[in-house]
Amino acid sequence: MDYEQNDFNNADIAALVDQFERYLKTNDYSYFDEEGLEMLLEYYEARNLPDREEAVIDLALSLNPFSTDFLTRKAEQLLNRKKYNEALEYLDKAQLFDTHEVDVYLLRSDIFVEQNKLEEAEQILMEALEIADDEDKDGVYAELSDIYEIQENFNKAFDALAKALEYNPSSEDALHKLAHIVDMTDRYNESVALHTSIIDKDPYSWLAWYNLGRAYVGLGLYEKGLECYEYVMAIEENFDLVYRDAADIYYRMDKFNEAIGMFETAQEKSIGFEDYSFRVGLCFERLNNFKSARFHYRKATRQDPYMHEAFFRIGETYRMEERLEPALVNYKKALHLDESNEDYICTIISIYKMLDREADVIEYLIQLVDIRPDILNYWLDYLIFLFETNQIEKVVEVADQAIRKCGHYAEFYYLQASAAAVLGDMRSAIILLEHALTLDYARHNILYEASKETAMLPSFQKLILQYGPNN
């Protein structure tokens, strides 16, 4: 029996609650029928008072020890407290008194899932399908889909949800879950057929229209997706996610003004639960309205001070206006919040190069190779910059570090050879060059990138020709 919140204000429930509270204080015998106990459970559940719920269930079981419903509720409470074995004992009792109660099977499956016994959970649900009436089978199939999703068998999850909808096309639980699963399987054509069939029977099924729209979007049919979303807005105008998804389509279609309008509507409909300021900022940025973009990015950072992406986008808008100093300030804020973000570091390096601030470039190149010493190109960027700034002795040192931390790549030996030649140590230069050519002849072009003058030395050219593919 379900009760609305307002139903708890009537005199009957007030008297019942008063009677039960007195019972808890005095422990004197007091009569409660099953309907009254159900009302008490609903009352305390609505007020999120689990201790009182447990007290009601314990009393109910003392008065009705053979009640499958109360035994199941007790098991559910124990499950919530992670007392799995005790919960299973109550379910065993419940099943003795009613072997066809589907909730017993569902709850037993939930316990096995909590214990990561997924095969046992699946088996229990298969048994539930054998005893369940058609009106209960959609719930069982929806539970099965959860197990398959945990196992990352998304195709079986899709099939289970499709089966659930076969028994109950209006199942909101199955429809909600299917929206996500379709994206994991790319079974968009099947989703179109399934949801079209549901809509043919129930044109006002807004969740079916929503899933149909998502399926069309997955197929790249954006206009058809938008048409479906318009039906959702007409039927269930307060469903904020459909406005967000419509906005995303407009964004993909480069219709940024329309996207902004939809994101703003989504914001209104979400009643503050989700902030769309960042996405609105992206739209303004694509419109080259950088000032408005920054306004919305900053608004997003006020909502979430740890949103490093917003600080980075602010930096990007300043960079596009060639305002490099304020760009740097915001890039650094982004990096402070996400210290291992390689893209942010690379961007800062590029700005410092534009500003000819060598020391700062070096600082962040070091930071980059410290964070990802396994990335060859980061070391090469560092070494080439040292050549460009005539820090040749440093090249030898850094190349040694690169070999130790990144590996024996031919590029490092080529650059060491070039550095040795610049420093006048031709004997070492030739040895290093010969080793590099042996490792990977094709990569010798990096010599010209580091120092074309050195690469063209007769001794270097002789060795390069000697190890060439025609020899």
Protein backbone atom coordinates (compact mmCIF):
# COMPACT_ATOMS: atom_id res chain seq x y z
CA MET A 1 0.00 0.00 0.00
CA ASP A 2 1.41 3.37 -1.05
CA TYR A 3 0.78 6.60 0.78
CA GLU A 4 1.43 10.10 -0.39
CA GLN A 5 3.27 12.47 1.93
CA ASN A 6 0.07 14.39 2.63
CA ASP A 7 -1.69 11.19 3.74
CA PHE A 8 0.59 11.07 6.78
CA ASN A 9 -1.01 14.19 8.21
CA ASN A 10 -4.38 12.67 8.92
CA ALA A 11 -5.58 11.77 12.36
CA ASP A 12 -5.44 8.00 11.83
CA ILE A 13 -1.73 7.87 11.04
CA ALA A 14 -0.98 10.40 13.78
CA ALA A 15 -2.72 8.19 16.31
CA LEU A 16 -0.97 5.12 14.97
CA VAL A 17 2.46 6.74 15.19
CA ASP A 18 1.69 7.96 18.72
CA GLN A 19 0.66 4.42 19.69
CA PHE A 20 3.85 2.94 18.25
CA GLU A 21 6.11 5.53 19.91
CA ARG A 22 4.49 4.74 23.27
CA TYR A 23 5.04 1.04 22.62
CA LEU A 24 8.75 1.65 22.01
CA LYS A 25 9.06 3.52 25.31
CA THR A 26 7.07 1.18 27.49
CA ASN A 27 7.34 -2.12 25.59
CA ASP A 28 3.78 -2.82 26.76
CA TYR A 29 1.72 -5.02 24.48
CA SER A 30 -0.17 -3.07 21.87
CA TYR A 31 -2.18 -4.42 18.93
CA PHE A 32 -1.19 -3.50 15.37
CA ASP A 33 -2.79 -5.14 12.35
CA GLU A 34 -0.86 -5.67 9.11
CA GLU A 35 -2.36 -2.63 7.44
CA GLY A 36 -1.32 -0.44 10.36
CA LEU A 37 2.20 -1.82 10.29
CA GLU A 38 2.41 -1.13 6.56
CA MET A 39 1.27 2.43 7.18
CA LEU A 40 3.93 2.87 9.85
CA LEU A 41 6.62 1.55 7.51
CA GLU A 42 5.56 3.95 4.78
CA TYR A 43 5.49 6.82 7.26
CA TYR A 44 9.00 6.23 8.62
CA GLU A 45 10.39 5.43 5.18
CA ALA A 46 9.11 8.76 3.84
CA ARG A 47 10.94 10.52 6.67
CA ASN A 48 14.14 8.48 6.23
CA LEU A 49 14.13 7.03 9.73
CA PRO A 50 15.74 3.59 9.23
CA ASP A 51 15.93 2.82 12.96
CA ARG A 52 12.17 3.25 13.26
CA GLU A 53 11.62 1.19 10.11
CA GLU A 54 13.66 -1.62 11.61
CA ALA A 55 11.68 -1.44 14.87
CA VAL A 56 8.40 -1.69 12.93
CA ILE A 57 9.63 -4.69 10.94
CA ASP A 58 10.85 -6.46 14.08
CA LEU A 59 7.46 -5.92 15.70
CA ALA A 60 5.69 -7.03 12.53
CA LEU A 61 7.66 -10.27 12.45
CA SER A 62 6.95 -10.97 16.10
CA LEU A 63 3.25 -10.60 15.32
CA ASN A 64 3.34 -12.17 11.83
CA PRO A 65 6.27 -14.63 11.74
CA PHE A 66 5.04 -16.28 8.53
CA SER A 67 4.65 -13.09 6.51
CA THR A 68 6.73 -13.30 3.31
CA ASP A 69 6.44 -9.54 2.89
CA PHE A 70 7.88 -8.68 6.31
CA LEU A 71 10.56 -11.39 6.06
CA THR A 72 11.62 -9.94 2.73
CA ARG A 73 11.68 -6.41 4.11
CA LYS A 74 13.86 -7.59 6.99
CA ALA A 75 16.24 -9.23 4.52
CA GLU A 76 16.41 -6.00 2.54
CA GLN A 77 17.34 -4.07 5.67
CA LEU A 78 20.09 -6.55 6.46
CA LEU A 79 21.35 -6.30 2.88
CA ASN A 80 21.60 -2.52 3.25
CA ARG A 81 23.72 -3.08 6.33
CA LYS A 82 25.84 -5.63 4.40
CA LYS A 83 24.79 -8.50 6.67
CA TYR A 84 24.47 -10.86 3.74
CA ASN A 85 24.30 -14.23 5.51
CA GLU A 86 21.57 -13.07 7.89
CA ALA A 87 19.66 -11.58 4.97
CA LEU A 88 19.82 -14.90 3.11
CA GLU A 89 18.48 -16.72 6.17
CA TYR A 90 15.39 -14.51 6.19
CA LEU A 91 14.93 -15.05 2.45
CA ASP A 92 15.12 -18.81 2.98
CA LYS A 93 12.26 -18.50 5.50
CA ALA A 94 10.27 -16.30 3.15
CA GLN A 95 10.64 -18.78 0.31
CA LEU A 96 9.36 -21.61 2.53
CA PHE A 97 6.08 -19.78 2.94
CA ASP A 98 5.75 -18.54 -0.65
CA THR A 99 7.80 -20.20 -3.39
CA HIS A 100 6.37 -17.90 -6.06
CA GLU A 101 7.27 -14.53 -4.56
CA VAL A 102 9.47 -12.91 -7.22
CA ASP A 103 10.82 -10.27 -4.82
CA VAL A 104 12.55 -13.02 -2.85
CA TYR A 105 14.47 -14.06 -5.95
CA LEU A 106 15.31 -10.47 -6.89
CA LEU A 107 16.62 -9.69 -3.43
CA ARG A 108 18.63 -12.91 -3.29
CA SER A 109 20.18 -11.94 -6.62
CA ASP A 110 21.03 -8.47 -5.26
CA ILE A 111 22.88 -10.09 -2.36
CA PHE A 112 24.92 -12.26 -4.72
CA VAL A 113 25.76 -9.22 -6.84
CA GLU A 114 26.95 -7.39 -3.71
CA GLN A 115 29.17 -10.41 -2.97
CA ASN A 116 30.43 -10.39 -6.57
CA LYS A 117 28.89 -13.82 -7.17
CA LEU A 118 27.54 -12.88 -10.56
CA GLU A 119 26.98 -16.38 -11.92
CA GLU A 120 24.88 -17.29 -8.87
CA ALA A 121 22.95 -14.03 -9.22
CA GLU A 122 22.22 -14.78 -12.88
CA GLN A 123 21.10 -18.32 -12.03
CA ILE A 124 18.67 -17.02 -9.39
CA LEU A 125 17.11 -14.64 -11.90
CA MET A 126 16.76 -17.45 -14.44
CA GLU A 127 14.86 -19.39 -11.79
CA ALA A 128 12.73 -16.30 -11.14
CA LEU A 129 11.76 -16.17 -14.83
CA GLU A 130 10.38 -19.70 -14.56
CA ILE A 131 7.98 -18.83 -11.76
CA ALA A 132 7.23 -15.17 -12.55
CA ASP A 133 3.95 -14.04 -14.07
CA ASP A 134 4.24 -12.08 -17.31
CA GLU A 135 3.60 -8.83 -15.43
CA ASP A 136 6.70 -9.43 -13.28
CA LYS A 137 9.11 -10.61 -15.97
CA ASP A 138 10.12 -7.14 -17.13
CA GLY A 139 11.61 -6.44 -13.69
CA VAL A 140 13.56 -9.70 -13.74
CA TYR A 141 14.98 -9.00 -17.20
CA ALA A 142 15.94 -5.47 -16.11
CA GLU A 143 17.85 -6.98 -13.17
CA LEU A 144 19.55 -9.42 -15.53
CA SER A 145 20.70 -6.51 -17.66
CA ASP A 146 22.47 -5.02 -14.62
CA ILE A 147 24.44 -8.23 -14.14
CA TYR A 148 25.43 -8.35 -17.82
CA GLU A 149 26.48 -4.70 -17.66
CA ILE A 150 28.72 -5.40 -14.65
CA GLN A 151 30.25 -8.24 -16.68
CA GLU A 152 30.66 -5.75 -19.56
CA ASN A 153 28.59 -8.02 -21.77
CA PHE A 154 26.65 -5.11 -23.20
CA ASN A 155 25.02 -7.04 -26.01
CA LYS A 156 23.40 -9.45 -23.55
CA ALA A 157 22.34 -6.45 -21.47
CA PHE A 158 20.68 -4.97 -24.58
CA ASP A 159 18.88 -8.26 -25.29
CA ALA A 160 17.65 -8.50 -21.69
CA LEU A 161 16.25 -4.97 -21.77
CA ALA A 162 14.61 -5.58 -25.14
CA LYS A 163 12.95 -8.63 -23.58
CA ALA A 164 11.82 -6.56 -20.60
CA LEU A 165 10.16 -4.09 -22.96
CA GLU A 166 8.52 -6.93 -24.83
CA TYR A 167 6.67 -7.79 -21.61
CA ASN A 168 6.16 -4.18 -20.50
CA PRO A 169 6.71 -1.54 -23.22
CA SER A 170 6.08 1.23 -20.68
CA SER A 171 8.76 0.09 -18.20
CA GLU A 172 10.56 3.30 -17.29
CA ASP A 173 13.34 1.33 -15.61
CA ALA A 174 14.10 -0.62 -18.80
CA LEU A 175 13.77 2.45 -21.03
CA HIS A 176 16.14 4.48 -18.87
CA LYS A 177 18.74 1.71 -18.84
CA LEU A 178 18.48 1.03 -22.56
CA ALA A 179 19.40 4.63 -23.47
CA HIS A 180 22.87 4.01 -22.02
CA ILE A 181 23.31 0.42 -23.21
CA VAL A 182 22.56 1.25 -26.85
CA ASP A 183 25.54 3.62 -26.88
CA MET A 184 27.75 0.82 -25.53
CA THR A 185 26.72 -1.61 -28.27
CA ASP A 186 26.20 0.64 -31.32
CA ARG A 187 22.99 -1.29 -31.98
CA TYR A 188 21.30 1.88 -33.14
CA ASN A 189 19.28 0.34 -35.98
CA GLU A 190 17.76 -2.22 -33.61
CA SER A 191 17.03 0.55 -31.13
CA VAL A 192 15.20 2.51 -33.84
CA ALA A 193 13.05 -0.53 -34.66
CA LEU A 194 12.36 -1.33 -30.99
CA HIS A 195 11.36 2.18 -29.94
CA THR A 196 9.37 2.85 -33.10
CA SER A 197 7.34 -0.25 -32.26
CA ILE A 198 6.71 1.04 -28.73
CA ILE A 199 5.69 4.48 -30.01
CA ASP A 200 3.28 2.92 -32.52
CA LYS A 201 1.41 1.44 -29.55
CA ASP A 202 1.88 4.40 -27.20
CA PRO A 203 2.58 7.71 -29.00
CA TYR A 204 2.92 9.50 -25.64
CA SER A 205 5.80 7.36 -24.36
CA TRP A 206 8.25 10.22 -23.99
CA LEU A 207 11.12 7.94 -22.89
CA ALA A 208 10.66 5.88 -26.06
CA TRP A 209 10.79 9.11 -28.10
CA TYR A 210 13.95 10.11 -26.20
CA ASN A 211 15.66 6.77 -26.85
CA LEU A 212 14.59 6.89 -30.49
CA GLY A 213 16.17 10.34 -30.79
CA ARG A 214 19.42 9.08 -29.25
CA ALA A 215 19.45 6.16 -31.68
CA TYR A 216 19.07 8.49 -34.66
CA VAL A 217 21.87 10.67 -33.30
CA GLY A 218 24.04 7.55 -32.99
CA LEU A 219 23.39 6.91 -36.67
CA GLY A 220 24.37 10.49 -37.50
CA LEU A 221 20.78 11.42 -38.42
CA TYR A 222 20.75 14.64 -36.42
CA GLU A 223 17.63 16.19 -37.92
CA LYS A 224 15.58 13.07 -37.15
CA GLY A 225 17.03 13.05 -33.64
CA LEU A 226 15.94 16.64 -33.12
CA GLU A 227 12.41 15.82 -34.30
CA CYS A 228 12.18 13.08 -31.68
CA TYR A 229 13.48 15.40 -28.98
CA GLU A 230 10.80 17.94 -29.91
CA TYR A 231 8.15 15.29 -29.18
CA VAL A 232 9.78 14.64 -25.80
CA MET A 233 9.68 18.37 -24.98
CA ALA A 234 6.00 18.51 -25.94
CA ILE A 235 5.06 15.48 -23.79
CA GLU A 236 7.41 15.93 -20.81
CA GLU A 237 8.56 19.54 -20.90
CA ASN A 238 10.50 19.39 -17.62
CA PHE A 239 12.88 16.62 -18.68
CA ASP A 240 16.09 18.66 -18.70
CA LEU A 241 18.35 16.07 -20.34
CA VAL A 242 16.49 16.27 -23.65
CA TYR A 243 17.30 19.99 -23.90
CA ARG A 244 20.96 19.22 -23.16
CA ASP A 245 21.05 16.51 -25.83
CA ALA A 246 19.32 18.76 -28.35
CA ALA A 247 21.88 21.46 -27.56
CA ASP A 248 24.70 18.99 -28.16
CA ILE A 249 23.25 18.20 -31.61
CA TYR A 250 23.04 21.88 -32.51
CA TYR A 251 26.66 22.23 -31.39
CA ARG A 252 27.74 19.37 -33.65
CA MET A 253 25.84 21.00 -36.50
CA ASP A 254 27.68 24.30 -35.87
CA LYS A 255 24.37 25.97 -34.94
CA PHE A 256 25.83 27.62 -31.89
CA ASN A 257 23.11 30.20 -31.20
CA GLU A 258 20.48 27.45 -31.15
CA ALA A 259 22.74 25.38 -28.90
CA ILE A 260 23.07 28.28 -26.45
CA GLY A 261 19.29 28.63 -26.23
CA MET A 262 18.86 24.93 -25.54
CA PHE A 263 21.60 24.84 -22.91
CA GLU A 264 19.99 27.80 -21.15
CA THR A 265 16.62 26.01 -21.16
CA ALA A 266 18.28 22.86 -19.83
CA GLN A 267 19.74 24.98 -17.02
CA GLU A 268 16.29 26.32 -16.13
CA LYS A 269 14.71 22.85 -16.20
CA SER A 270 17.44 21.25 -14.08
CA ILE A 271 16.62 23.68 -11.23
CA GLY A 272 20.29 24.19 -10.47
CA PHE A 273 21.21 20.50 -10.28
CA GLU A 274 23.51 20.77 -13.27
CA ASP A 275 25.50 23.71 -14.53
CA TYR A 276 25.66 24.19 -18.30
CA SER A 277 27.79 27.34 -18.22
CA PHE A 278 30.88 25.57 -19.55
CA ARG A 279 29.01 24.28 -22.60
CA VAL A 280 27.52 27.69 -23.24
CA GLY A 281 31.05 29.09 -23.06
CA LEU A 282 32.16 26.61 -25.73
CA CYS A 283 29.38 27.86 -28.01
CA PHE A 284 30.39 31.49 -27.58
CA GLU A 285 34.02 30.56 -28.18
CA ARG A 286 33.08 28.90 -31.47
CA LEU A 287 31.22 32.11 -32.38
CA ASN A 288 34.48 34.01 -31.69
CA ASN A 289 32.67 35.93 -28.96
CA PHE A 290 35.55 35.46 -26.56
CA LYS A 291 34.39 37.93 -23.93
CA SER A 292 31.04 36.15 -23.50
CA ALA A 293 32.83 32.81 -23.56
CA ARG A 294 35.05 33.90 -20.67
CA PHE A 295 32.03 35.14 -18.73
CA HIS A 296 30.42 31.69 -18.88
CA TYR A 297 33.66 29.81 -18.22
CA ARG A 298 34.19 31.92 -15.10
CA LYS A 299 30.61 31.23 -14.08
CA ALA A 300 31.39 27.53 -14.42
CA THR A 301 34.45 27.88 -12.17
CA ARG A 302 32.35 29.58 -9.51
CA GLN A 303 30.02 26.59 -9.61
CA ASP A 304 32.98 24.18 -9.58
CA PRO A 305 36.29 25.77 -8.50
CA TYR A 306 38.13 22.60 -9.56
CA MET A 307 36.99 22.69 -13.19
CA HIS A 308 40.44 22.93 -14.76
CA GLU A 309 39.00 22.66 -18.29
CA ALA A 310 37.22 25.99 -17.84
CA PHE A 311 40.42 27.77 -16.79
CA PHE A 312 42.18 26.26 -19.79
CA ARG A 313 39.45 27.47 -22.17
CA ILE A 314 39.72 30.98 -20.66
CA GLY A 315 43.42 30.80 -21.49
CA GLU A 316 42.62 29.73 -25.03
CA THR A 317 40.30 32.71 -25.59
CA TYR A 318 43.04 35.09 -24.47
CA ARG A 319 45.56 33.33 -26.73
CA MET A 320 43.25 33.75 -29.72
CA GLU A 321 43.17 37.45 -28.92
CA GLU A 322 47.00 37.35 -28.72
CA ARG A 323 46.86 38.35 -25.05
CA LEU A 324 49.53 35.92 -23.96
CA GLU A 325 50.15 37.02 -20.37
CA PRO A 326 46.53 36.58 -19.16
CA ALA A 327 46.44 33.37 -21.20
CA LEU A 328 49.40 32.08 -19.18
CA VAL A 329 47.75 32.98 -15.88
CA ASN A 330 44.75 30.79 -16.70
CA TYR A 331 46.76 27.95 -18.24
CA LYS A 332 48.71 27.79 -14.99
CA LYS A 333 45.49 27.75 -12.95
CA ALA A 334 44.35 24.79 -15.04
CA LEU A 335 47.68 23.02 -14.55
CA HIS A 336 47.60 23.67 -10.80
CA LEU A 337 44.31 21.75 -10.66
CA ASP A 338 45.49 18.96 -12.97
CA GLU A 339 49.24 18.76 -12.43
CA SER A 340 49.92 15.83 -14.75
CA ASN A 341 48.04 17.19 -17.76
CA GLU A 342 50.53 17.00 -20.61
CA ASP A 343 48.43 19.13 -22.97
CA TYR A 344 48.41 21.98 -20.48
CA ILE A 345 52.20 21.82 -20.04
CA CYS A 346 52.77 21.70 -23.81
CA THR A 347 50.53 24.73 -24.26
CA ILE A 348 52.42 26.69 -21.60
CA ILE A 349 55.70 25.77 -23.30
CA SER A 350 54.41 27.04 -26.64
CA ILE A 351 53.40 30.38 -25.07
CA TYR A 352 56.76 30.83 -23.37
CA LYS A 353 58.44 30.13 -26.72
CA MET A 354 56.36 32.90 -28.30
CA LEU A 355 57.49 35.21 -25.49
CA ASP A 356 61.16 34.16 -25.92
CA ARG A 357 61.42 33.22 -22.25
CA GLU A 358 64.01 30.46 -22.47
CA ALA A 359 64.34 29.73 -18.77
CA ASP A 360 60.59 29.22 -18.42
CA VAL A 361 60.52 26.98 -21.48
CA ILE A 362 63.24 24.83 -19.94
CA GLU A 363 61.40 24.68 -16.62
CA TYR A 364 58.26 23.25 -18.21
CA LEU A 365 60.15 20.96 -20.60
CA ILE A 366 61.78 19.43 -17.52
CA GLN A 367 58.37 19.13 -15.88
CA LEU A 368 57.06 17.38 -19.00
CA VAL A 369 59.78 14.73 -19.14
CA ASP A 370 59.52 14.22 -15.38
CA ILE A 371 55.83 13.46 -15.68
CA ARG A 372 56.15 11.25 -18.78
CA PRO A 373 59.75 10.03 -19.07
CA ASP A 374 58.56 7.26 -21.39
CA ILE A 375 57.52 9.62 -24.22
CA LEU A 376 60.25 9.90 -26.84
CA ASN A 377 58.97 13.10 -28.46
CA TYR A 378 59.00 15.01 -25.16
CA TRP A 379 62.72 14.32 -24.76
CA LEU A 380 63.36 15.24 -28.38
CA ASP A 381 61.54 18.56 -27.96
CA TYR A 382 63.70 19.27 -24.92
CA LEU A 383 66.95 18.34 -26.70
CA ILE A 384 66.16 20.25 -29.89
CA PHE A 385 65.33 23.34 -27.84
CA LEU A 386 68.72 23.05 -26.14
CA PHE A 387 70.33 23.02 -29.59
CA GLU A 388 68.26 26.02 -30.67
CA THR A 389 69.37 27.99 -27.60
CA ASN A 390 73.02 26.87 -27.97
CA GLN A 391 73.10 24.92 -24.68
CA ILE A 392 75.21 22.19 -26.23
CA GLU A 393 76.89 20.80 -23.11
CA LYS A 394 73.42 20.38 -21.60
CA VAL A 395 72.45 18.28 -24.63
CA VAL A 396 74.94 15.56 -23.70
CA GLU A 397 73.71 15.46 -20.10
CA VAL A 398 70.01 15.41 -20.97
CA ALA A 399 70.51 12.79 -23.68
CA ASP A 400 72.14 10.51 -21.09
CA GLN A 401 69.08 10.96 -18.85
CA ALA A 402 66.80 10.24 -21.80
CA ILE A 403 68.60 6.99 -22.61
CA ARG A 404 68.34 5.84 -18.98
CA LYS A 405 64.70 6.81 -18.50
CA CYS A 406 63.18 6.41 -21.95
CA GLY A 407 65.29 3.83 -23.80
CA HIS A 408 68.08 3.35 -26.30
CA TYR A 409 66.49 5.22 -29.17
CA ALA A 410 68.72 6.09 -32.11
CA GLU A 411 67.61 9.73 -31.96
CA PHE A 412 69.34 10.25 -28.63
CA TYR A 413 72.67 9.00 -30.01
CA TYR A 414 72.33 11.13 -33.16
CA LEU A 415 71.83 14.21 -30.99
CA GLN A 416 74.74 13.27 -28.74
CA ALA A 417 76.91 12.85 -31.84
CA SER A 418 75.90 16.28 -33.11
CA ALA A 419 76.59 17.84 -29.71
CA ALA A 420 80.00 16.17 -29.45
CA ALA A 421 80.92 17.50 -32.90
CA VAL A 422 79.89 21.05 -31.96
CA LEU A 423 82.00 20.75 -28.81
CA GLY A 424 84.99 19.63 -30.90
CA ASP A 425 85.12 16.01 -29.74
CA MET A 426 85.05 14.45 -33.21
CA ARG A 427 86.27 11.02 -32.05
CA SER A 428 83.23 10.64 -29.73
CA ALA A 429 81.00 12.18 -32.37
CA ILE A 430 81.95 9.56 -34.99
CA ILE A 431 81.56 6.67 -32.52
CA LEU A 432 78.13 7.92 -31.46
CA LEU A 433 77.02 8.56 -35.04
CA GLU A 434 78.08 5.08 -36.16
CA HIS A 435 76.16 3.54 -33.25
CA ALA A 436 73.05 5.56 -34.11
CA LEU A 437 73.23 4.60 -37.79
CA THR A 438 73.47 0.96 -36.79
CA LEU A 439 70.40 1.27 -34.55
CA ASP A 440 68.13 3.09 -37.02
CA TYR A 441 69.49 4.61 -40.20
CA ALA A 442 66.14 6.15 -41.19
CA ARG A 443 66.15 8.48 -38.18
CA HIS A 444 69.41 10.24 -39.15
CA ASN A 445 67.40 13.20 -40.51
CA ILE A 446 67.17 14.50 -36.96
CA LEU A 447 70.79 15.62 -37.40
CA TYR A 448 69.64 18.31 -39.82
CA GLU A 449 66.95 19.43 -37.39
CA ALA A 450 69.46 19.80 -34.55
CA SER A 451 72.33 21.38 -36.50
CA LYS A 452 72.39 21.39 -40.28
CA GLU A 453 75.96 22.70 -40.30
CA THR A 454 77.15 19.75 -38.21
CA ALA A 455 75.16 17.24 -40.24
CA MET A 456 76.89 18.44 -43.42
CA LEU A 457 80.41 17.83 -42.04
CA PRO A 458 82.35 15.61 -44.50
CA SER A 459 83.03 12.99 -41.85
CA PHE A 460 79.33 12.81 -41.00
CA GLN A 461 78.26 12.67 -44.65
CA LYS A 462 80.78 9.91 -45.39
CA LEU A 463 79.36 7.71 -42.62
CA ILE A 464 75.77 8.43 -43.60
CA LEU A 465 76.50 7.39 -47.19
CA GLN A 466 78.38 4.31 -45.99
CA TYR A 467 75.38 3.07 -43.96
CA GLY A 468 72.83 4.08 -46.59
CA PRO A 469 70.33 1.59 -48.07
CA ASN A 470 72.33 1.27 -51.29
CA ASN A 471 75.40 -0.04 -49.46
